C-alpha cells in the first residue's frame, strides 16, 4: 500500500493537552495506527496508508474537540478513541462526553467514559432494577452513586440507601474493637469514599443525621420495605441466593435499585453459590429489570488495570477449557 501525506491543523493552545507530555499520546497514535506524524509550527503532517491517515486525523479531531470542551485528555481517552476507530465508532467519544450526570463538590463533571458505561447509565434511567456486572475499574459503583445523588437532589427519591455484604476479601480480620459502626465501617469504606467525593463529607453528615442517606451492611435490610428510595447493593457477588432474594423483596413503591458486582471476584466460602449469579439467571427476562455487563474495554482506571483484567480473563478461560476437556475425557473413560 502506497503512503500518502495529509496536513492537520492543531491549535497551539490545545496541542500540549491533546499530544500529551513529551508527545506521549502522539507517539501512541503513531504506534497503533502505523503512521508518522511530523510536527510543524502551524500543525502537523501525517504520513502513512490512506486508511490509517484518515483514522489518525479522526482520533486527533475527537481529542481536540474534547480538549475544546474543557476536558483534560488522559491516556484512557486516547486508548478508547483508538479502539473505537477500528470499530468505525469514532464519533461515540463525543456522544459519551455530552452525558453529564452531575458534578463533584470540586466542580468536576461525572459522565460515562465508554459505550458500556453509557449503556449502563441509560439503563438506570429507564429501569427500576439494574444489575451492573463487570471487572474492577469499570465504574459500576461510582456511576450508580452519581445517579443516586442526582435523583436525590432532583427530589426523584426521598433517600439513598447504600449497602454491601460484610464479607472479608479472603482474609480473617478477627476481632475489631469499637462499637458496631466501627466494626462494619471498614467493609463500607468504598461507599463512603465515593459519596464524599461526589456529595461532600458535610452534606453526607447532614443528610445521614436526618436519616436521608444510610450506609449499612446487607443484614440490616431484613424485614424492611424501602419506598421512594434509591438503593445500591455493592459487591453483590458476595451475597448468597437467600440474601439476594431477601434484598430484592425489600423494593417498595417509587424506588430504584442498582446491584453491582464482579462474578470473577467472589469471596464466599468454597462451594457457596453466589446470589448474584443466581439472580441474573432467574431475572433475565423480567420486565423492568435490566442486566448490563461491562468488559475490560470499559475499565477507566490506570491502563495497566485493563491489561491485567484481560490477562486474567484469558488465563481463566484457558484453564476452564482445559478442566472441562479433562473432565469430559474422564467421563468417557468411565462410560467405556
Protein backbone atom coordinates (compact mmCIF):
# COMPACT_ATOMS: atom_id res chain seq x y z
CA UNK A 1 0.00 0.00 0.00
CA UNK A 2 1.47 3.35 -1.03
CA UNK A 3 1.90 6.03 1.60
CA UNK A 4 0.10 9.35 1.45
CA UNK A 5 0.61 12.67 3.22
CA UNK A 6 -2.03 14.86 4.78
CA UNK A 7 -1.95 18.02 6.86
CA UNK A 8 -3.78 18.61 10.12
CA UNK A 9 -4.09 21.91 11.98
CA UNK A 10 -3.64 21.69 15.75
CA UNK A 11 -4.29 24.94 17.67
CA UNK A 12 -1.26 25.76 19.81
CA UNK A 13 -3.39 26.29 22.95
CA UNK A 14 -4.63 22.68 22.79
CA UNK A 15 -1.51 20.95 21.48
CA UNK A 16 0.03 20.09 24.87
CA UNK A 17 -3.26 18.65 26.17
CA UNK A 18 -4.01 16.57 23.06
CA UNK A 19 -0.48 15.35 22.35
CA UNK A 20 0.48 14.62 25.95
CA UNK A 21 3.58 15.30 27.99
CA UNK A 22 6.63 14.91 25.79
CA UNK A 23 4.22 13.96 22.94
CA UNK A 24 3.34 10.72 24.76
CA UNK A 25 -0.13 10.45 23.21
CA UNK A 26 1.17 11.38 19.77
CA UNK A 27 3.68 8.53 19.88
CA UNK A 28 0.93 6.10 20.90
CA UNK A 29 -1.24 7.17 17.94
CA UNK A 30 1.74 6.68 15.61
CA UNK A 31 2.46 3.21 17.01
CA UNK A 32 -1.13 1.92 17.00
CA UNK A 33 -2.10 3.30 13.60
CA UNK A 34 1.28 2.77 11.89
CA UNK A 35 1.64 6.36 10.79
CA UNK A 36 4.32 9.01 11.12
CA UNK A 37 3.29 12.40 12.46
CA UNK A 38 5.65 15.30 11.87
CA UNK A 39 5.02 18.41 13.97
CA UNK A 40 5.14 21.83 12.32
CA UNK A 41 4.66 25.37 13.58
CA UNK A 42 1.09 25.58 12.28
CA UNK A 43 0.10 21.96 12.80
CA UNK A 44 1.33 18.56 11.69
CA UNK A 45 1.86 16.32 8.70
CA UNK A 46 0.55 12.74 8.85
CA UNK A 47 2.23 10.12 6.66
CA UNK A 48 1.02 6.54 6.17
CA UNK A 49 -1.52 4.34 4.44
CA UNK A 50 -4.67 6.12 3.33
CA UNK A 51 -7.00 4.37 5.79
CA UNK A 52 -4.65 4.86 8.74
CA UNK A 53 -4.07 8.52 7.94
CA UNK A 54 -7.84 9.08 7.96
CA UNK A 55 -8.11 7.25 11.27
CA UNK A 56 -5.30 9.32 12.78
CA UNK A 57 -6.99 12.56 11.70
CA UNK A 58 -10.30 11.39 13.20
CA UNK A 59 -8.69 10.44 16.51
CA UNK A 60 -6.83 13.75 16.71
CA UNK A 61 -10.02 15.62 15.80
CA UNK A 62 -12.02 13.93 18.55
CA UNK A 63 -9.31 14.52 21.15
CA UNK A 64 -9.11 18.17 20.06
CA UNK A 65 -12.88 18.58 20.45
CA UNK A 66 -12.72 17.01 23.93
CA UNK A 67 -9.97 19.49 24.81
CA UNK A 68 -12.02 22.42 23.50
CA UNK A 69 -14.88 21.31 25.78
CA UNK A 70 -12.57 21.73 28.76
CA UNK A 71 -11.56 18.11 29.30
CA UNK A 72 -8.11 17.13 30.44
CA UNK A 73 -7.04 14.47 27.94
CA UNK A 74 -5.97 11.26 29.66
CA UNK A 75 -4.34 8.10 28.40
CA UNK A 76 -7.71 6.39 28.77
CA UNK A 77 -9.25 8.94 26.38
CA UNK A 78 -6.56 8.21 23.80
CA UNK A 79 -6.76 4.43 24.18
CA UNK A 80 -10.54 4.44 23.86
CA UNK A 81 -10.56 6.79 20.87
CA UNK A 82 -8.06 4.50 19.15
CA UNK A 83 -10.07 1.35 19.92
CA UNK A 84 -13.28 2.91 18.58
CA UNK A 85 -11.66 3.94 15.31
CA UNK A 86 -11.15 0.26 14.44
CA UNK A 87 -14.88 -0.33 15.01
CA UNK A 88 -15.92 2.70 12.91
CA UNK A 89 -17.48 4.28 16.01
CA UNK A 90 -15.16 7.28 16.35
CA UNK A 91 -17.93 9.81 16.98
CA UNK A 92 -19.11 7.86 20.04
CA UNK A 93 -16.30 9.53 22.01
CA UNK A 94 -18.05 12.90 21.68
CA UNK A 95 -21.56 11.48 22.19
CA UNK A 96 -20.48 9.96 25.50
CA UNK A 97 -18.90 13.24 26.59
CA UNK A 98 -22.25 15.04 26.25
CA UNK A 99 -23.85 12.99 29.04
CA UNK A 100 -23.03 14.80 32.29
CA UNK A 101 -24.69 13.04 35.24
CA UNK A 102 -23.68 15.56 37.92
CA UNK A 103 -20.63 17.34 39.30
CA UNK A 104 -18.44 16.60 42.29
CA UNK A 105 -18.08 19.05 45.16
CA UNK A 106 -14.94 20.26 43.39
CA UNK A 107 -16.95 21.01 40.25
CA UNK A 108 -15.59 18.11 38.19
CA UNK A 109 -18.22 16.66 35.82
CA UNK A 110 -19.11 13.00 36.25
CA UNK A 111 -20.00 11.29 32.99
CA UNK A 112 -19.63 7.87 31.34
CA UNK A 113 -16.34 7.38 29.56
CA UNK A 114 -17.11 4.32 27.42
CA UNK A 115 -20.04 2.98 25.41
CA UNK A 116 -20.54 0.27 28.03
CA UNK A 117 -20.75 2.86 30.81
CA UNK A 118 -23.13 4.98 28.72
CA UNK A 119 -25.45 1.97 28.21
CA UNK A 120 -25.25 1.24 31.96
CA UNK A 121 -26.23 4.81 32.90
CA UNK A 122 -29.08 4.86 30.36
CA UNK A 123 -30.41 1.55 31.71
CA UNK A 124 -30.50 3.01 35.25
CA UNK A 125 -32.57 5.90 33.93
CA UNK A 126 -35.07 3.59 32.22
CA UNK A 127 -35.45 0.62 34.60
CA UNK A 128 -36.43 0.02 38.22
CA UNK A 129 -33.81 -2.68 38.85
CA UNK A 130 -30.44 -2.76 37.12
CA UNK A 131 -27.65 -5.31 37.54
CA UNK A 132 -24.27 -3.80 36.72
CA UNK A 133 -21.75 -6.57 36.12
CA UNK A 134 -18.12 -6.24 35.15
CA UNK A 135 -14.50 -6.22 36.30
CA UNK A 136 -12.86 -3.78 38.68
CA UNK A 137 -12.44 -0.25 37.38
CA UNK A 138 -15.50 -0.11 35.12
CA UNK A 139 -17.23 2.50 37.29
CA UNK A 140 -20.14 0.30 38.35
CA UNK A 141 -20.47 1.67 41.87
CA UNK A 142 -19.26 5.22 41.20
CA UNK A 143 -21.70 5.86 38.35
CA UNK A 144 -24.55 4.32 40.34
CA UNK A 145 -23.67 6.63 43.23
CA UNK A 146 -23.69 9.63 40.90
CA UNK A 147 -27.12 8.61 39.58
CA UNK A 148 -28.43 8.17 43.15
CA UNK A 149 -27.22 11.58 44.31
CA UNK A 150 -28.64 13.22 41.17
CA UNK A 151 -32.04 11.58 41.76
CA UNK A 152 -31.92 12.68 45.43
CA UNK A 153 -31.08 16.30 44.57
CA UNK A 154 -33.83 16.36 41.93
CA UNK A 155 -36.36 15.08 44.51
CA UNK A 156 -36.99 11.94 42.44
CA UNK A 157 -36.36 9.90 45.60
CA UNK A 158 -36.51 10.92 49.24
CA UNK A 159 -33.50 8.95 50.46
CA UNK A 160 -30.43 6.96 49.42
CA UNK A 161 -29.57 3.57 50.87
CA UNK A 162 -26.15 2.07 50.24
CA UNK A 163 -25.39 -1.47 51.31
CA UNK A 164 -22.98 -4.33 50.76
CA UNK A 165 -22.44 -7.75 52.35
CA UNK A 166 -19.86 -7.76 55.14
CA UNK A 167 -17.63 -10.44 53.67
CA UNK A 168 -13.86 -10.37 54.20
CA UNK A 169 -11.84 -10.48 50.97
CA UNK A 170 -10.13 -13.81 51.59
CA UNK A 171 -8.79 -12.69 54.97
CA UNK A 172 -9.77 -13.28 58.58
CA UNK A 173 -9.77 -9.89 60.28
CA UNK A 174 -10.65 -11.32 63.65
CA UNK A 175 -11.93 -9.14 66.48
CA UNK A 176 -12.40 -5.47 65.64
CA UNK A 177 -12.51 -3.02 68.58
CA UNK A 178 -15.13 -0.31 68.99
CA UNK A 179 -18.88 -0.08 68.64
CA UNK A 180 -20.98 -1.76 65.95
CA UNK A 181 -20.49 1.11 63.49
CA UNK A 182 -16.71 0.86 63.91
CA UNK A 183 -16.86 -2.86 63.14
CA UNK A 184 -18.78 -2.50 59.88
CA UNK A 185 -17.22 0.74 58.57
CA UNK A 186 -14.16 -0.99 57.03
CA UNK A 187 -16.47 -3.04 54.80
CA UNK A 188 -18.35 0.07 53.70
CA UNK A 189 -15.37 2.37 53.19
CA UNK A 190 -15.51 2.29 49.34
CA UNK A 191 -19.09 3.58 49.50
CA UNK A 192 -18.10 6.39 51.85
CA UNK A 193 -15.19 7.35 49.59
CA UNK A 194 -17.47 7.69 46.58
CA UNK A 195 -20.19 9.65 48.36
CA UNK A 196 -17.67 12.04 49.97
CA UNK A 197 -16.16 12.84 46.58
CA UNK A 198 -19.49 13.42 44.86
CA UNK A 199 -21.61 14.96 47.63
CA UNK A 200 -19.05 16.14 50.15
CA UNK A 201 -18.49 14.99 53.74
CA UNK A 202 -20.52 17.82 55.32
CA UNK A 203 -23.55 17.23 53.09
CA UNK A 204 -23.35 13.49 53.78
CA UNK A 205 -23.22 14.00 57.57
CA UNK A 206 -26.11 16.46 57.44
CA UNK A 207 -28.34 14.14 55.40
CA UNK A 208 -27.34 10.97 57.25
CA UNK A 209 -28.23 12.58 60.60
CA UNK A 210 -31.71 13.25 59.19
CA UNK A 211 -31.94 9.62 58.01
CA UNK A 212 -31.97 10.61 54.34
CA UNK A 213 -28.75 8.77 53.48
CA UNK A 214 -27.99 5.40 55.02
CA UNK A 215 -24.89 3.25 54.64
CA UNK A 216 -25.38 -0.16 56.20
CA UNK A 217 -24.47 -3.85 55.92
CA UNK A 218 -26.84 -6.01 53.90
CA UNK A 219 -28.00 -7.84 57.04
CA UNK A 220 -29.71 -4.61 58.18
CA UNK A 221 -32.10 -4.77 55.22
CA UNK A 222 -34.07 -7.76 56.51
CA UNK A 223 -37.65 -7.00 57.49
CA UNK A 224 -37.73 -3.57 55.86
CA UNK A 225 -39.78 -2.17 52.97
CA UNK A 226 -37.90 0.57 51.14
CA UNK A 227 -40.27 3.04 49.48
CA UNK A 228 -39.23 6.07 47.43
CA UNK A 229 -35.53 5.28 47.79
CA UNK A 230 -32.51 4.85 45.55
CA UNK A 231 -30.86 1.65 46.76
CA UNK A 232 -27.40 0.44 45.75
CA UNK A 233 -26.20 -3.05 46.62
CA UNK A 234 -22.45 -3.18 46.06
CA UNK A 235 -20.20 -6.26 45.86
CA UNK A 236 -23.29 -8.38 45.24
CA UNK A 237 -21.19 -11.36 44.09
CA UNK A 238 -20.64 -11.98 47.81
CA UNK A 239 -24.33 -12.50 48.59
CA UNK A 240 -25.93 -15.90 48.95
CA UNK A 241 -29.11 -16.68 46.95
CA UNK A 242 -31.15 -16.26 50.15
CA UNK A 243 -29.62 -12.86 50.86
CA UNK A 244 -30.23 -11.69 47.30
CA UNK A 245 -33.86 -12.80 47.39
CA UNK A 246 -34.29 -11.05 50.74
CA UNK A 247 -32.82 -7.84 49.31
CA UNK A 248 -34.85 -7.85 46.10
CA UNK A 249 -38.09 -8.31 48.01
CA UNK A 250 -37.40 -5.12 50.02
CA UNK A 251 -38.19 -2.94 46.98
CA UNK A 252 -41.09 -0.56 47.60
CA UNK A 253 -43.09 1.93 45.54
CA UNK A 254 -41.13 4.73 43.87
CA UNK A 255 -37.78 3.01 44.45
CA UNK A 256 -34.90 2.38 42.10
CA UNK A 257 -32.32 -0.36 42.69
CA UNK A 258 -28.82 -0.84 41.29
CA UNK A 259 -26.95 -4.06 42.07
CA UNK A 260 -23.26 -4.16 41.22
CA UNK A 261 -20.75 -6.97 41.28
CA UNK A 262 -17.91 -8.84 39.64
CA UNK A 263 -18.50 -12.57 39.37
CA UNK A 264 -14.77 -13.22 38.98
CA UNK A 265 -14.00 -11.86 42.48
CA UNK A 266 -16.20 -13.86 44.82
CA UNK A 267 -15.10 -14.07 48.46
CA UNK A 268 -17.75 -16.59 49.53
CA UNK A 269 -16.73 -19.85 51.21
CA UNK A 270 -15.74 -22.57 48.78
CA UNK A 271 -18.75 -24.33 47.31
CA UNK A 272 -21.20 -21.49 48.13
CA UNK A 273 -23.31 -20.32 45.19
CA UNK A 274 -23.33 -16.56 44.54
CA UNK A 275 -26.71 -14.87 44.89
CA UNK A 276 -25.74 -12.52 42.07
CA UNK A 277 -25.02 -15.39 39.71
CA UNK A 278 -28.39 -16.96 40.51
CA UNK A 279 -30.30 -13.67 40.24
CA UNK A 280 -29.09 -12.79 36.73
CA UNK A 281 -30.29 -16.20 35.55
CA UNK A 282 -33.65 -16.07 37.33
CA UNK A 283 -34.48 -12.46 36.40
CA UNK A 284 -33.08 -12.37 32.88
CA UNK A 285 -36.47 -11.94 31.17
CA UNK A 286 -38.34 -9.99 33.85
CA UNK A 287 -39.83 -6.67 32.70
CA UNK A 288 -38.28 -3.52 34.24
CA UNK A 289 -35.18 -5.50 35.23
CA UNK A 290 -32.06 -4.84 33.15
CA UNK A 291 -28.76 -6.71 33.24
CA UNK A 292 -25.79 -4.76 31.89
CA UNK A 293 -22.40 -6.41 31.58
CA UNK A 294 -19.25 -4.38 31.04
CA UNK A 295 -15.90 -5.74 29.90
CA UNK A 296 -12.22 -4.89 30.17
CA UNK A 297 -12.82 -2.30 27.40
CA UNK A 298 -14.82 -0.29 29.95
CA UNK A 299 -12.04 -0.15 32.57
CA UNK A 300 -11.24 3.52 33.22
CA UNK A 301 -8.52 3.17 35.84
CA UNK A 302 -4.81 3.06 35.00
CA UNK A 303 -4.33 1.42 31.56
CA UNK A 304 -2.41 -1.37 33.27
CA UNK A 305 -5.61 -2.40 35.10
CA UNK A 306 -7.28 -3.06 31.75
CA UNK A 307 -4.39 -5.26 30.66
CA UNK A 308 -4.40 -7.12 33.99
CA UNK A 309 -8.15 -7.79 33.74
CA UNK A 310 -7.78 -9.03 30.17
CA UNK A 311 -4.85 -11.29 31.09
CA UNK A 312 -6.82 -12.86 33.95
CA UNK A 313 -9.84 -13.40 31.68
CA UNK A 314 -7.68 -15.19 29.11
CA UNK A 315 -5.97 -17.29 31.81
CA UNK A 316 -9.24 -18.31 33.47
CA UNK A 317 -10.92 -19.12 30.15
CA UNK A 318 -7.96 -21.27 29.12
CA UNK A 319 -7.87 -23.20 32.38
CA UNK A 320 -11.64 -23.64 32.47
CA UNK A 321 -11.49 -25.14 28.98
CA UNK A 322 -8.65 -27.44 29.99
CA UNK A 323 -10.59 -28.51 33.08
CA UNK A 324 -13.70 -29.16 31.02
CA UNK A 325 -11.77 -31.25 28.48
CA UNK A 326 -10.14 -33.34 31.19
CA UNK A 327 -13.46 -33.88 32.94
CA UNK A 328 -15.13 -34.94 29.66
CA UNK A 329 -12.31 -37.42 28.95
CA UNK A 330 -12.64 -38.91 32.44
CA UNK A 331 -16.38 -39.30 31.99
CA UNK A 332 -15.88 -41.04 28.63
CA UNK A 333 -13.36 -43.35 30.25
CA UNK A 334 -15.81 -44.32 33.00
CA UNK A 335 -18.60 -44.93 30.44
CA UNK A 336 -16.41 -47.19 28.35
